[in-house]
Every structure is written in structure tokens, then in C-alpha cells.
Amino acid sequence: MSQEHCDACRKMQDTIRKHEEILTQLIHFVGNNHERIILMEKDVKSTRYQHLIS
């Protein structure tokens, strides 16, 4: 394999690792905050149309 190909593979592997780290952090964040996120979503839905009612 050429050096360029190896460099390209290495860059792709680095990118994949970074994406895996970001996804892992996101999964942990959602797992730790899912109840709060659900409450926030319910609050947004309940206030979304308040301007039409008033």
C-alpha cells in the first residue's frame, strides 16, 4: 500500500474515533438527563401554542 493510502486510512480512523467519543458522551448525557429532557420537552409543547390561546 502507498503511504498516501495509509495516511488516509489513519485520518479516517482518527475521525471515527472522535465520532465514537462524541457519541459516547452524548449517550451518557442523555442517559443521565433523560428525565429532565422529557420534562423540558413537555414544557415546550405545553407553552408552544399559548400565544394562540391568549
Protein backbone atom coordinates (compact mmCIF):
# COMPACT_ATOMS: atom_id res chain seq x y z
CA MET A 1 0.00 0.00 0.00
CA SER A 2 1.12 3.51 -0.69
CA GLN A 3 1.99 5.95 2.07
CA GLU A 4 -0.88 8.21 0.95
CA HIS A 5 -3.33 5.36 1.37
CA CYS A 6 -2.01 4.58 4.86
CA ASP A 7 -2.26 8.27 5.83
CA ALA A 8 -5.81 8.43 4.51
CA CYS A 9 -6.75 5.31 6.49
CA ARG A 10 -5.16 6.72 9.63
CA LYS A 11 -7.06 10.01 9.23
CA MET A 12 -10.31 8.12 8.73
CA GLN A 13 -9.66 6.00 11.83
CA ASP A 14 -8.94 9.16 13.85
CA THR A 15 -12.17 10.71 12.62
CA ILE A 16 -14.13 7.57 13.50
CA ARG A 17 -12.57 7.52 17.00
CA LYS A 18 -13.52 11.16 17.56
CA HIS A 19 -17.08 10.49 16.42
CA GLU A 20 -17.28 7.46 18.71
CA GLU A 21 -16.11 9.61 21.65
CA ILE A 22 -18.73 12.27 20.85
CA LEU A 23 -21.49 9.66 20.53
CA THR A 24 -20.45 8.05 23.81
CA GLN A 25 -20.56 11.43 25.57
CA LEU A 26 -23.98 12.14 24.05
CA ILE A 27 -25.32 8.75 25.14
CA HIS A 28 -24.06 9.33 28.69
CA PHE A 29 -25.52 12.84 28.74
CA VAL A 30 -28.94 11.66 27.58
CA GLY A 31 -28.81 8.72 29.97
CA ASN A 32 -28.01 11.00 32.89
CA ASN A 33 -30.52 13.70 31.93
CA HIS A 34 -33.36 11.89 30.17
CA GLU A 35 -35.96 12.75 32.82
CA ARG A 36 -35.04 16.43 32.69
CA ILE A 37 -35.04 16.37 28.88
CA ILE A 38 -38.52 14.81 28.84
CA LEU A 39 -39.83 17.44 31.27
CA MET A 40 -38.31 20.22 29.18
CA GLU A 41 -39.93 18.81 26.03
CA LYS A 42 -43.31 18.60 27.76
CA ASP A 43 -42.91 22.18 28.94
CA VAL A 44 -42.04 23.36 25.43
CA LYS A 45 -45.06 21.56 23.97
CA SER A 46 -47.39 23.00 26.61
CA THR A 47 -46.17 26.57 26.04
CA ARG A 48 -45.76 26.35 22.26
CA TYR A 49 -49.35 27.36 21.50
CA GLN A 50 -50.03 29.62 24.48
CA HIS A 51 -49.81 32.73 22.28
CA LEU A 52 -52.75 31.43 20.22
CA ILE A 53 -54.91 30.87 23.31
CA SER A 54 -54.25 34.26 24.95
